[in-house]
Amino acid sequence: MELEGKHSFGSIGETRVTFVEKNTTENRKDFLKKLLEHNGFEVIIEEEKRKTDEDPQLYTVAVTDMVFNPTIWIFQRKLKTFDGHKVTQDYWFQRTEETNPRYWKNSK
């Protein structure tokens, strides 16, 4: 996973959407859905088609806000965590729950 500057949009059913992430797991889908809804977005989830029944179920996560771009919202610090802190890149990718805004760690 990585953040892309490219704004990816299209349709799910009859609804125009901005794609947040494609081919994501159920755990990731649930996290993104809760976080984005907490920040006021209408979230649409679509199940990806599986090639075989043994393949894991993957999902596409999208929002109906056509100007939403995850990269911009994260680095401009517009998204809020559930406890009111600002979402960092590591928080977005579920690497940590730390929300201290340091992007570089200077250790001595």
PDB file of N, CA and C in Angstrom:
ATOM      1  N   MET A   1       0.834  -1.180   0.000  1.00  0.00           N
ATOM      2  CA  MET A   1       0.000   0.000   0.000  1.00  0.00           C
ATOM      3  C   MET A   1       0.877   1.240   0.000  1.00  0.00           C
ATOM      4  N   GLU A   2       0.437   2.208  -0.715  1.00  0.00           N
ATOM      5  CA  GLU A   2       1.117   3.493  -0.695  1.00  0.00           C
ATOM      6  C   GLU A   2       0.130   4.575  -1.075  1.00  0.00           C
ATOM      7  N   LEU A   3       0.444   5.782  -0.706  1.00  0.00           N
ATOM      8  CA  LEU A   3      -0.388   6.912  -1.092  1.00  0.00           C
ATOM      9  C   LEU A   3       0.037   7.378  -2.466  1.00  0.00           C
ATOM     10  N   GLU A   4      -0.936   7.629  -3.304  1.00  0.00           N
ATOM     11  CA  GLU A   4      -0.651   8.124  -4.642  1.00  0.00           C
ATOM     12  C   GLU A   4      -1.221   9.527  -4.775  1.00  0.00           C
ATOM     13  N   GLY A   5      -0.550  10.364  -5.495  1.00  0.00           N
ATOM     14  CA  GLY A   5      -1.057  11.706  -5.728  1.00  0.00           C
ATOM     15  C   GLY A   5      -2.189  11.730  -6.737  1.00  0.00           C
ATOM     16  N   LYS A   6      -2.287  10.673  -7.511  1.00  0.00           N
ATOM     17  CA  LYS A   6      -3.302  10.592  -8.553  1.00  0.00           C
ATOM     18  C   LYS A   6      -4.690  10.459  -7.943  1.00  0.00           C
ATOM     19  N   HIS A   7      -5.635  11.230  -8.457  1.00  0.00           N
ATOM     20  CA  HIS A   7      -7.023  11.174  -8.020  1.00  0.00           C
ATOM     21  C   HIS A   7      -7.726  10.111  -8.847  1.00  0.00           C
ATOM     22  N   SER A   8      -8.153   9.040  -8.180  1.00  0.00           N
ATOM     23  CA  SER A   8      -8.769   7.908  -8.863  1.00  0.00           C
ATOM     24  C   SER A   8     -10.273   7.933  -8.633  1.00  0.00           C
ATOM     25  N   PHE A   9     -11.030   8.040  -9.716  1.00  0.00           N
ATOM     26  CA  PHE A   9     -12.482   8.086  -9.578  1.00  0.00           C
ATOM     27  C   PHE A   9     -13.153   7.235 -10.646  1.00  0.00           C
ATOM     28  N   GLY A  10     -14.414   6.945 -10.427  1.00  0.00           N
ATOM     29  CA  GLY A  10     -15.184   6.118 -11.349  1.00  0.00           C
ATOM     30  C   GLY A  10     -16.583   5.939 -10.808  1.00  0.00           C
ATOM     31  N   SER A  11     -17.148   4.753 -11.007  1.00  0.00           N
ATOM     32  CA  SER A  11     -18.515   4.477 -10.566  1.00  0.00           C
ATOM     33  C   SER A  11     -18.583   3.128  -9.867  1.00  0.00           C
ATOM     34  N   ILE A  12     -19.439   3.067  -8.871  1.00  0.00           N
ATOM     35  CA  ILE A  12     -19.857   1.806  -8.274  1.00  0.00           C
ATOM     36  C   ILE A  12     -21.369   1.790  -8.428  1.00  0.00           C
ATOM     37  N   GLY A  13     -21.844   0.868  -9.236  1.00  0.00           N
ATOM     38  CA  GLY A  13     -23.268   0.872  -9.567  1.00  0.00           C
ATOM     39  C   GLY A  13     -23.595   2.132 -10.337  1.00  0.00           C
ATOM     40  N   GLU A  14     -24.577   2.861  -9.867  1.00  0.00           N
ATOM     41  CA  GLU A  14     -24.984   4.121 -10.503  1.00  0.00           C
ATOM     42  C   GLU A  14     -24.357   5.342  -9.837  1.00  0.00           C
ATOM     43  N   THR A  15     -23.527   5.128  -8.837  1.00  0.00           N
ATOM     44  CA  THR A  15     -22.986   6.226  -8.038  1.00  0.00           C
ATOM     45  C   THR A  15     -21.562   6.563  -8.454  1.00  0.00           C
ATOM     46  N   ARG A  16     -21.313   7.843  -8.726  1.00  0.00           N
ATOM     47  CA  ARG A  16     -19.960   8.322  -9.018  1.00  0.00           C
ATOM     48  C   ARG A  16     -19.199   8.403  -7.699  1.00  0.00           C
ATOM     49  N   VAL A  17     -17.968   7.898  -7.701  1.00  0.00           N
ATOM     50  CA  VAL A  17     -17.195   7.829  -6.462  1.00  0.00           C
ATOM     51  C   VAL A  17     -15.733   8.175  -6.704  1.00  0.00           C
ATOM     52  N   THR A  18     -15.067   8.507  -5.608  1.00  0.00           N
ATOM     53  CA  THR A  18     -13.616   8.587  -5.566  1.00  0.00           C
ATOM     54  C   THR A  18     -13.138   7.321  -4.873  1.00  0.00           C
ATOM     55  N   PHE A  19     -12.256   6.577  -5.533  1.00  0.00           N
ATOM     56  CA  PHE A  19     -11.740   5.347  -4.948  1.00  0.00           C
ATOM     57  C   PHE A  19     -10.691   5.687  -3.894  1.00  0.00           C
ATOM     58  N   VAL A  20     -10.832   5.075  -2.729  1.00  0.00           N
ATOM     59  CA  VAL A  20      -9.884   5.262  -1.638  1.00  0.00           C
ATOM     60  C   VAL A  20      -8.842   4.155  -1.686  1.00  0.00           C
ATOM     61  N   GLU A  21      -9.298   2.903  -1.724  1.00  0.00           N
ATOM     62  CA  GLU A  21      -8.407   1.746  -1.861  1.00  0.00           C
ATOM     63  C   GLU A  21      -9.133   0.629  -2.578  1.00  0.00           C
ATOM     64  N   LYS A  22      -8.390  -0.078  -3.409  1.00  0.00           N
ATOM     65  CA  LYS A  22      -8.922  -1.251  -4.103  1.00  0.00           C
ATOM     66  C   LYS A  22      -8.177  -2.481  -3.616  1.00  0.00           C
ATOM     67  N   ASN A  23      -8.820  -3.639  -3.748  1.00  0.00           N
ATOM     68  CA  ASN A  23      -8.231  -4.935  -3.362  1.00  0.00           C
ATOM     69  C   ASN A  23      -7.742  -4.928  -1.919  1.00  0.00           C
ATOM     70  N   THR A  24      -8.594  -4.510  -1.023  1.00  0.00           N
ATOM     71  CA  THR A  24      -8.243  -4.428   0.383  1.00  0.00           C
ATOM     72  C   THR A  24      -8.938  -5.535   1.181  1.00  0.00           C
ATOM     73  N   THR A  25      -8.357  -5.892   2.297  1.00  0.00           N
ATOM     74  CA  THR A  25      -8.899  -6.971   3.134  1.00  0.00           C
ATOM     75  C   THR A  25     -10.116  -6.483   3.923  1.00  0.00           C
ATOM     76  N   GLU A  26     -10.806  -7.428   4.543  1.00  0.00           N
ATOM     77  CA  GLU A  26     -11.989  -7.071   5.327  1.00  0.00           C
ATOM     78  C   GLU A  26     -11.633  -6.204   6.524  1.00  0.00           C
ATOM     79  N   ASN A  27     -10.537  -6.514   7.212  1.00  0.00           N
ATOM     80  CA  ASN A  27     -10.104  -5.729   8.358  1.00  0.00           C
ATOM     81  C   ASN A  27      -9.789  -4.293   7.939  1.00  0.00           C
ATOM     82  N   ARG A  28      -9.066  -4.142   6.848  1.00  0.00           N
ATOM     83  CA  ARG A  28      -8.711  -2.807   6.336  1.00  0.00           C
ATOM     84  C   ARG A  28      -9.954  -2.049   5.894  1.00  0.00           C
ATOM     85  N   LYS A  29     -10.855  -2.751   5.218  1.00  0.00           N
ATOM     86  CA  LYS A  29     -12.123  -2.144   4.766  1.00  0.00           C
ATOM     87  C   LYS A  29     -12.889  -1.589   5.955  1.00  0.00           C
ATOM     88  N   ASP A  30     -13.004  -2.372   7.028  1.00  0.00           N
ATOM     89  CA  ASP A  30     -13.739  -1.934   8.212  1.00  0.00           C
ATOM     90  C   ASP A  30     -13.098  -0.708   8.854  1.00  0.00           C
ATOM     91  N   PHE A  31     -11.759  -0.708   8.956  1.00  0.00           N
ATOM     92  CA  PHE A  31     -11.043   0.436   9.533  1.00  0.00           C
ATOM     93  C   PHE A  31     -11.298   1.704   8.706  1.00  0.00           C
ATOM     94  N   LEU A  32     -11.113   1.606   7.381  1.00  0.00           N
ATOM     95  CA  LEU A  32     -11.303   2.780   6.523  1.00  0.00           C
ATOM     96  C   LEU A  32     -12.740   3.279   6.566  1.00  0.00           C
ATOM     97  N   LYS A  33     -13.678   2.370   6.545  1.00  0.00           N
ATOM     98  CA  LYS A  33     -15.100   2.754   6.572  1.00  0.00           C
ATOM     99  C   LYS A  33     -15.407   3.541   7.843  1.00  0.00           C
ATOM    100  N   LYS A  34     -14.992   3.028   8.996  1.00  0.00           N
ATOM    101  CA  LYS A  34     -15.240   3.724  10.264  1.00  0.00           C
ATOM    102  C   LYS A  34     -14.553   5.089  10.296  1.00  0.00           C
ATOM    103  N   LEU A  35     -13.280   5.128   9.875  1.00  0.00           N
ATOM    104  CA  LEU A  35     -12.523   6.382   9.915  1.00  0.00           C
ATOM    105  C   LEU A  35     -13.129   7.430   8.980  1.00  0.00           C
ATOM    106  N   LEU A  36     -13.460   7.038   7.771  1.00  0.00           N
ATOM    107  CA  LEU A  36     -14.009   7.992   6.809  1.00  0.00           C
ATOM    108  C   LEU A  36     -15.403   8.460   7.210  1.00  0.00           C
ATOM    109  N   GLU A  37     -16.242   7.562   7.715  1.00  0.00           N
ATOM    110  CA  GLU A  37     -17.567   7.974   8.179  1.00  0.00           C
ATOM    111  C   GLU A  37     -17.442   8.900   9.384  1.00  0.00           C
ATOM    112  N   HIS A  38     -16.476   8.645  10.256  1.00  0.00           N
ATOM    113  CA  HIS A  38     -16.224   9.528  11.403  1.00  0.00           C
ATOM    114  C   HIS A  38     -15.873  10.937  10.929  1.00  0.00           C
ATOM    115  N   ASN A  39     -15.242  11.045   9.771  1.00  0.00           N
ATOM    116  CA  ASN A  39     -14.851  12.338   9.209  1.00  0.00           C
ATOM    117  C   ASN A  39     -15.904  12.912   8.269  1.00  0.00           C
ATOM    118  N   GLY A  40     -17.097  12.328   8.242  1.00  0.00           N
ATOM    119  CA  GLY A  40     -18.222  12.911   7.513  1.00  0.00           C
ATOM    120  C   GLY A  40     -18.386  12.469   6.075  1.00  0.00           C
ATOM    121  N   PHE A  41     -17.701  11.437   5.649  1.00  0.00           N
ATOM    122  CA  PHE A  41     -17.818  10.967   4.271  1.00  0.00           C
ATOM    123  C   PHE A  41     -18.848   9.848   4.172  1.00  0.00           C
ATOM    124  N   GLU A  42     -19.536   9.805   3.040  1.00  0.00           N
ATOM    125  CA  GLU A  42     -20.409   8.675   2.736  1.00  0.00           C
ATOM    126  C   GLU A  42     -19.556   7.630   2.037  1.00  0.00           C
ATOM    127  N   VAL A  43     -19.469   6.453   2.633  1.00  0.00           N
ATOM    128  CA  VAL A  43     -18.579   5.401   2.146  1.00  0.00           C
ATOM    129  C   VAL A  43     -19.392   4.344   1.399  1.00  0.00           C
ATOM    130  N   ILE A  44     -18.862   3.898   0.274  1.00  0.00           N
ATOM    131  CA  ILE A  44     -19.472   2.823  -0.503  1.00  0.00           C
ATOM    132  C   ILE A  44     -18.441   1.704  -0.621  1.00  0.00           C
ATOM    133  N   ILE A  45     -18.886   0.495  -0.327  1.00  0.00           N
ATOM    134  CA  ILE A  45     -18.023  -0.684  -0.373  1.00  0.00           C
ATOM    135  C   ILE A  45     -18.506  -1.599  -1.488  1.00  0.00           C
ATOM    136  N   GLU A  46     -17.566  -2.131  -2.255  1.00  0.00           N
ATOM    137  CA  GLU A  46     -17.906  -3.096  -3.298  1.00  0.00           C
ATOM    138  C   GLU A  46     -17.022  -4.320  -3.128  1.00  0.00           C
ATOM    139  N   GLU A  47     -17.637  -5.500  -3.159  1.00  0.00           N
ATOM    140  CA  GLU A  47     -16.868  -6.743  -3.097  1.00  0.00           C
ATOM    141  C   GLU A  47     -16.238  -7.009  -4.447  1.00  0.00           C
ATOM    142  N   GLU A  48     -14.960  -7.360  -4.435  1.00  0.00           N
ATOM    143  CA  GLU A  48     -14.267  -7.736  -5.662  1.00  0.00           C
ATOM    144  C   GLU A  48     -14.659  -9.165  -6.030  1.00  0.00           C
ATOM    145  N   LYS A  49     -14.655  -9.456  -7.310  1.00  0.00           N
ATOM    146  CA  LYS A  49     -14.947 -10.823  -7.749  1.00  0.00           C
ATOM    147  C   LYS A  49     -13.739 -11.707  -7.473  1.00  0.00           C
ATOM    148  N   ARG A  50     -14.018 -12.904  -6.947  1.00  0.00           N
ATOM    149  CA  ARG A  50     -12.956 -13.862  -6.657  1.00  0.00           C
ATOM    150  C   ARG A  50     -12.823 -14.829  -7.827  1.00  0.00           C
ATOM    151  N   LYS A  51     -11.589 -15.224  -8.137  1.00  0.00           N
ATOM    152  CA  LYS A  51     -11.356 -16.189  -9.217  1.00  0.00           C
ATOM    153  C   LYS A  51     -11.785 -17.583  -8.798  1.00  0.00           C
ATOM    154  N   THR A  52     -11.507 -17.938  -7.544  1.00  0.00           N
ATOM    155  CA  THR A  52     -11.928 -19.236  -7.007  1.00  0.00           C
ATOM    156  C   THR A  52     -12.528 -19.014  -5.622  1.00  0.00           C
ATOM    157  N   ASP A  53     -13.261 -20.003  -5.141  1.00  0.00           N
ATOM    158  CA  ASP A  53     -13.862 -19.894  -3.810  1.00  0.00           C
ATOM    159  C   ASP A  53     -12.825 -19.888  -2.701  1.00  0.00           C
ATOM    160  N   GLU A  54     -11.625 -20.388  -2.971  1.00  0.00           N
ATOM    161  CA  GLU A  54     -10.572 -20.432  -1.963  1.00  0.00           C
ATOM    162  C   GLU A  54      -9.866 -19.086  -1.802  1.00  0.00           C
ATOM    163  N   ASP A  55      -9.958 -18.218  -2.788  1.00  0.00           N
ATOM    164  CA  ASP A  55      -9.323 -16.903  -2.707  1.00  0.00           C
ATOM    165  C   ASP A  55      -9.987 -16.069  -1.616  1.00  0.00           C
ATOM    166  N   PRO A  56      -9.209 -15.231  -0.919  1.00  0.00           N
ATOM    167  CA  PRO A  56      -9.816 -14.365   0.099  1.00  0.00           C
ATOM    168  C   PRO A  56     -10.704 -13.310  -0.551  1.00  0.00           C
ATOM    169  N   GLN A  57     -11.747 -12.910   0.166  1.00  0.00           N
ATOM    170  CA  GLN A  57     -12.626 -11.857  -0.339  1.00  0.00           C
ATOM    171  C   GLN A  57     -11.932 -10.514  -0.173  1.00  0.00           C
ATOM    172  N   LEU A  58     -11.831  -9.755  -1.253  1.00  0.00           N
ATOM    173  CA  LEU A  58     -11.238  -8.425  -1.233  1.00  0.00           C
ATOM    174  C   LEU A  58     -12.311  -7.394  -1.555  1.00  0.00           C
ATOM    175  N   TYR A  59     -12.034  -6.138  -1.201  1.00  0.00           N
ATOM    176  CA  TYR A  59     -13.038  -5.084  -1.326  1.00  0.00           C
ATOM    177  C   TYR A  59     -12.445  -3.827  -1.956  1.00  0.00           C
ATOM    178  N   THR A  60     -13.340  -3.019  -2.528  1.00  0.00           N
ATOM    179  CA  THR A  60     -13.007  -1.672  -2.976  1.00  0.00           C
ATOM    180  C   THR A  60     -13.714  -0.710  -2.032  1.00  0.00           C
ATOM    181  N   VAL A  61     -12.963   0.255  -1.514  1.00  0.00           N
ATOM    182  CA  VAL A  61     -13.516   1.274  -0.617  1.00  0.00           C
ATOM    183  C   VAL A  61     -13.521   2.590  -1.385  1.00  0.00           C
ATOM    184  N   ALA A  62     -14.683   3.267  -1.376  1.00  0.00           N
ATOM    185  CA  ALA A  62     -14.820   4.522  -2.104  1.00  0.00           C
ATOM    186  C   ALA A  62     -15.689   5.488  -1.306  1.00  0.00           C
ATOM    187  N   VAL A  63     -15.592   6.759  -1.648  1.00  0.00           N
ATOM    188  CA  VAL A  63     -16.452   7.781  -1.038  1.00  0.00           C
ATOM    189  C   VAL A  63     -17.177   8.534  -2.144  1.00  0.00           C
ATOM    190  N   THR A  64     -18.314   9.131  -1.788  1.00  0.00           N
ATOM    191  CA  THR A  64     -19.108   9.849  -2.786  1.00  0.00           C
ATOM    192  C   THR A  64     -18.615  11.275  -3.017  1.00  0.00           C
ATOM    193  N   ASP A  65     -17.690  11.746  -2.197  1.00  0.00           N
ATOM    194  CA  ASP A  65     -17.115  13.085  -2.370  1.00  0.00           C
ATOM    195  C   ASP A  65     -16.114  13.028  -3.522  1.00  0.00           C
ATOM    196  N   MET A  66     -16.424  13.661  -4.622  1.00  0.00           N
ATOM    197  CA  MET A  66     -15.607  13.564  -5.827  1.00  0.00           C
ATOM    198  C   MET A  66     -14.292  14.338  -5.750  1.00  0.00           C
ATOM    199  N   VAL A  67     -14.116  15.189  -4.756  1.00  0.00           N
ATOM    200  CA  VAL A  67     -12.856  15.932  -4.647  1.00  0.00           C
ATOM    201  C   VAL A  67     -11.935  15.359  -3.573  1.00  0.00           C
ATOM    202  N   PHE A  68     -12.365  14.305  -2.887  1.00  0.00           N
ATOM    203  CA  PHE A  68     -11.542  13.700  -1.837  1.00  0.00           C
ATOM    204  C   PHE A  68     -10.336  12.998  -2.450  1.00  0.00           C
ATOM    205  N   ASN A  69      -9.152  13.286  -1.907  1.00  0.00           N
ATOM    206  CA  ASN A  69      -7.921  12.614  -2.288  1.00  0.00           C
ATOM    207  C   ASN A  69      -7.198  12.271  -0.990  1.00  0.00           C
ATOM    208  N   PRO A  70      -7.059  10.962  -0.677  1.00  0.00           N
ATOM    209  CA  PRO A  70      -6.450  10.589   0.606  1.00  0.00           C
ATOM    210  C   PRO A  70      -5.082  11.216   0.857  1.00  0.00           C
ATOM    211  N   THR A  71      -4.251  11.294  -0.159  1.00  0.00           N
ATOM    212  CA  THR A  71      -2.919  11.867   0.008  1.00  0.00           C
ATOM    213  C   THR A  71      -2.997  13.312   0.497  1.00  0.00           C
ATOM    214  N   ILE A  72      -3.820  14.103  -0.133  1.00  0.00           N
ATOM    215  CA  ILE A  72      -3.959  15.512   0.238  1.00  0.00           C
ATOM    216  C   ILE A  72      -4.540  15.647   1.638  1.00  0.00           C
ATOM    217  N   TRP A  73      -5.585  14.891   1.921  1.00  0.00           N
ATOM    218  CA  TRP A  73      -6.235  14.996   3.226  1.00  0.00           C
ATOM    219  C   TRP A  73      -5.318  14.560   4.353  1.00  0.00           C
ATOM    220  N   ILE A  74      -4.476  13.568   4.132  1.00  0.00           N
ATOM    221  CA  ILE A  74      -3.563  13.117   5.188  1.00  0.00           C
ATOM    222  C   ILE A  74      -2.448  14.129   5.412  1.00  0.00           C
ATOM    223  N   PHE A  75      -1.802  14.576   4.347  1.00  0.00           N
ATOM    224  CA  PHE A  75      -0.665  15.483   4.521  1.00  0.00           C
ATOM    225  C   PHE A  75      -1.083  16.905   4.859  1.00  0.00           C
ATOM    226  N   GLN A  76      -2.315  17.292   4.544  1.00  0.00           N
ATOM    227  CA  GLN A  76      -2.806  18.590   5.003  1.00  0.00           C
ATOM    228  C   GLN A  76      -3.442  18.481   6.383  1.00  0.00           C
ATOM    229  N   ARG A  77      -3.405  17.257   6.942  1.00  0.00           N
ATOM    230  CA  ARG A  77      -3.856  16.992   8.311  1.00  0.00           C
ATOM    231  C   ARG A  77      -5.326  17.346   8.506  1.00  0.00           C
ATOM    232  N   LYS A  78      -6.162  17.011   7.533  1.00  0.00           N
ATOM    233  CA  LYS A  78      -7.593  17.309   7.583  1.00  0.00           C
ATOM    234  C   LYS A  78      -8.415  16.198   8.229  1.00  0.00           C
ATOM    235  N   LEU A  79      -7.913  14.964   8.240  1.00  0.00           N
ATOM    236  CA  LEU A  79      -8.651  13.847   8.816  1.00  0.00           C
ATOM    237  C   LEU A  79      -8.388  13.760  10.312  1.00  0.00           C
ATOM    238  N   LYS A  80      -9.418  13.398  11.072  1.00  0.00           N
ATOM    239  CA  LYS A  80      -9.310  13.269  12.523  1.00  0.00           C
ATOM    240  C   LYS A  80      -9.481  11.815  12.933  1.00  0.00           C
ATOM    241  N   THR A  81      -8.724  11.420  13.966  1.00  0.00           N
ATOM    242  CA  THR A  81      -8.879  10.084  14.542  1.00  0.00           C
ATOM    243  C   THR A  81     -10.146  10.070  15.393  1.00  0.00           C
ATOM    244  N   PHE A  82     -10.474   8.916  15.938  1.00  0.00           N
ATOM    245  CA  PHE A  82     -11.678   8.775  16.741  1.00  0.00           C
ATOM    246  C   PHE A  82     -11.601   9.554  18.050  1.00  0.00           C
ATOM    247  N   ASP A  83     -10.375   9.833  18.516  1.00  0.00           N
ATOM    248  CA  ASP A  83     -10.229  10.610  19.742  1.00  0.00           C
ATOM    249  C   ASP A  83      -9.843  12.068  19.474  1.00  0.00           C
ATOM    250  N   GLY A  84      -9.995  12.520  18.223  1.00  0.00           N
ATOM    251  CA  GLY A  84      -9.826  13.931  17.904  1.00  0.00           C
ATOM    252  C   GLY A  84      -8.457  14.368  17.448  1.00  0.00           C
ATOM    253  N   HIS A  85      -7.471  13.465  17.398  1.00  0.00           N
ATOM    254  CA  HIS A  85      -6.144  13.825  16.906  1.00  0.00           C
ATOM    255  C   HIS A  85      -6.135  13.811  15.380  1.00  0.00           C
ATOM    256  N   LYS A  86      -5.078  14.339  14.812  1.00  0.00           N
ATOM    257  CA  LYS A  86      -4.952  14.362  13.352  1.00  0.00           C
ATOM    258  C   LYS A  86      -4.360  13.052  12.847  1.00  0.00           C
ATOM    259  N   VAL A  87      -4.882  12.567  11.730  1.00  0.00           N
ATOM    260  CA  VAL A  87      -4.428  11.307  11.144  1.00  0.00           C
ATOM    261  C   VAL A  87      -3.075  11.512  10.477  1.00  0.00           C
ATOM    262  N   THR A  88      -2.113  10.665  10.832  1.00  0.00           N
ATOM    263  CA  THR A  88      -0.803  10.676  10.182  1.00  0.00           C
ATOM    264  C   THR A  88      -0.768   9.556   9.146  1.00  0.00           C
ATOM    265  N   GLN A  89       0.269   9.545   8.339  1.00  0.00           N
ATOM    266  CA  GLN A  89       0.416   8.504   7.323  1.00  0.00           C
ATOM    267  C   GLN A  89       0.500   7.124   7.964  1.00  0.00           C
ATOM    268  N   ASP A  90       1.252   6.967   9.047  1.00  0.00           N
ATOM    269  CA  ASP A  90       1.368   5.678   9.718  1.00  0.00           C
ATOM    270  C   ASP A  90       0.045   5.243  10.346  1.00  0.00           C
ATOM    271  N   TYR A  91      -0.721   6.186  10.865  1.00  0.00           N
ATOM    272  CA  TYR A  91      -2.041   5.851  11.415  1.00  0.00           C
ATOM    273  C   TYR A  91      -2.959   5.373  10.287  1.00  0.00           C
ATOM    274  N   TRP A  92      -2.939   6.057   9.157  1.00  0.00           N
ATOM    275  CA  TRP A  92      -3.763   5.691   7.998  1.00  0.00           C
ATOM    276  C   TRP A  92      -3.489   4.250   7.564  1.00  0.00           C
ATOM    277  N   PHE A  93      -2.227   3.868   7.551  1.00  0.00           N
ATOM    278  CA  PHE A  93      -1.854   2.521   7.124  1.00  0.00           C
ATOM    279  C   PHE A  93      -1.884   1.508   8.268  1.00  0.00           C
ATOM    280  N   GLN A  94      -2.371   1.909   9.417  1.00  0.00           N
ATOM    281  CA  GLN A  94      -2.524   1.053  10.586  1.00  0.00           C
ATOM    282  C   GLN A  94      -1.191   0.475  11.060  1.00  0.00           C
ATOM    283  N   ARG A  95      -0.122   1.241  10.888  1.00  0.00           N
ATOM    284  CA  ARG A  95       1.189   0.820  11.383  1.00  0.00           C
ATOM    285  C   ARG A  95       1.338   1.137  12.857  1.00  0.00           C
ATOM    286  N   THR A  96       0.637   2.172  13.312  1.00  0.00           N
ATOM    287  CA  THR A  96       0.707   2.617  14.697  1.00  0.00           C
ATOM    288  C   THR A  96      -0.560   3.387  15.035  1.00  0.00           C
ATOM    289  N   GLU A  97      -0.804   3.520  16.326  1.00  0.00           N
ATOM    290  CA  GLU A  97      -1.898   4.382  16.770  1.00  0.00           C
ATOM    291  C   GLU A  97      -1.356   5.719  17.255  1.00  0.00           C
ATOM    292  N   GLU A  98      -0.042   5.896  17.141  1.00  0.00           N
ATOM    293  CA  GLU A  98       0.638   7.146  17.505  1.00  0.00           C
ATOM    294  C   GLU A  98       0.219   8.229  16.516  1.00  0.00           C
ATOM    295  N   THR A  99      -0.175   9.381  17.028  1.00  0.00           N
ATOM    296  CA  THR A  99      -0.609  10.466  16.147  1.00  0.00           C
ATOM    297  C   THR A  99       0.270  11.702  16.262  1.00  0.00           C
ATOM    298  N   ASN A 100       1.429  11.543  16.899  1.00  0.00           N
ATOM    299  CA  ASN A 100       2.375  12.640  16.974  1.00  0.00           C
ATOM    300  C   ASN A 100       2.824  12.970  15.548  1.00  0.00           C
ATOM    301  N   PRO A 101       2.793  14.232  15.145  1.00  0.00           N
ATOM    302  CA  PRO A 101       2.993  14.567  13.732  1.00  0.00           C
ATOM    303  C   PRO A 101       4.422  14.501  13.203  1.00  0.00           C
ATOM    304  N   ARG A 102       5.304  13.769  13.840  1.00  0.00           N
ATOM    305  CA  ARG A 102       6.660  13.661  13.319  1.00  0.00           C
ATOM    306  C   ARG A 102       6.701  12.646  12.190  1.00  0.00           C
ATOM    307  N   TYR A 103       7.159  13.057  11.034  1.00  0.00           N
ATOM    308  CA  TYR A 103       7.301  12.140   9.917  1.00  0.00           C
ATOM    309  C   TYR A 103       8.698  11.541   9.883  1.00  0.00           C
ATOM    310  N   TRP A 104       9.649  12.176  10.557  1.00  0.00           N
ATOM    311  CA  TRP A 104      11.009  11.664  10.623  1.00  0.00           C
ATOM    312  C   TRP A 104      11.356  11.467  12.085  1.00  0.00           C
ATOM    313  N   LYS A 105      11.988  10.368  12.381  1.00  0.00           N
ATOM    314  CA  LYS A 105      12.405  10.121  13.747  1.00  0.00           C
ATOM    315  C   LYS A 105      13.890  10.397  13.862  1.00  0.00           C
ATOM    316  N   ASN A 106      14.231  11.335  14.710  1.00  0.00           N
ATOM    317  CA  ASN A 106      15.626  11.680  14.968  1.00  0.00           C
ATOM    318  C   ASN A 106      16.034  11.029  16.276  1.00  0.00           C
ATOM    319  N   SER A 107      16.840  10.001  16.193  1.00  0.00           N
ATOM    320  CA  SER A 107      17.254   9.336  17.425  1.00  0.00           C
ATOM    321  C   SER A 107      18.712   9.668  17.728  1.00  0.00           C
ATOM    322  N   LYS A 108      19.036   9.689  18.996  1.00  0.00           N
ATOM    323  CA  LYS A 108      20.402  10.013  19.404  1.00  0.00           C
ATOM    324  C   LYS A 108      21.035   8.849  20.080  1.00  0.00           C
TER     325      LYS A 108
END
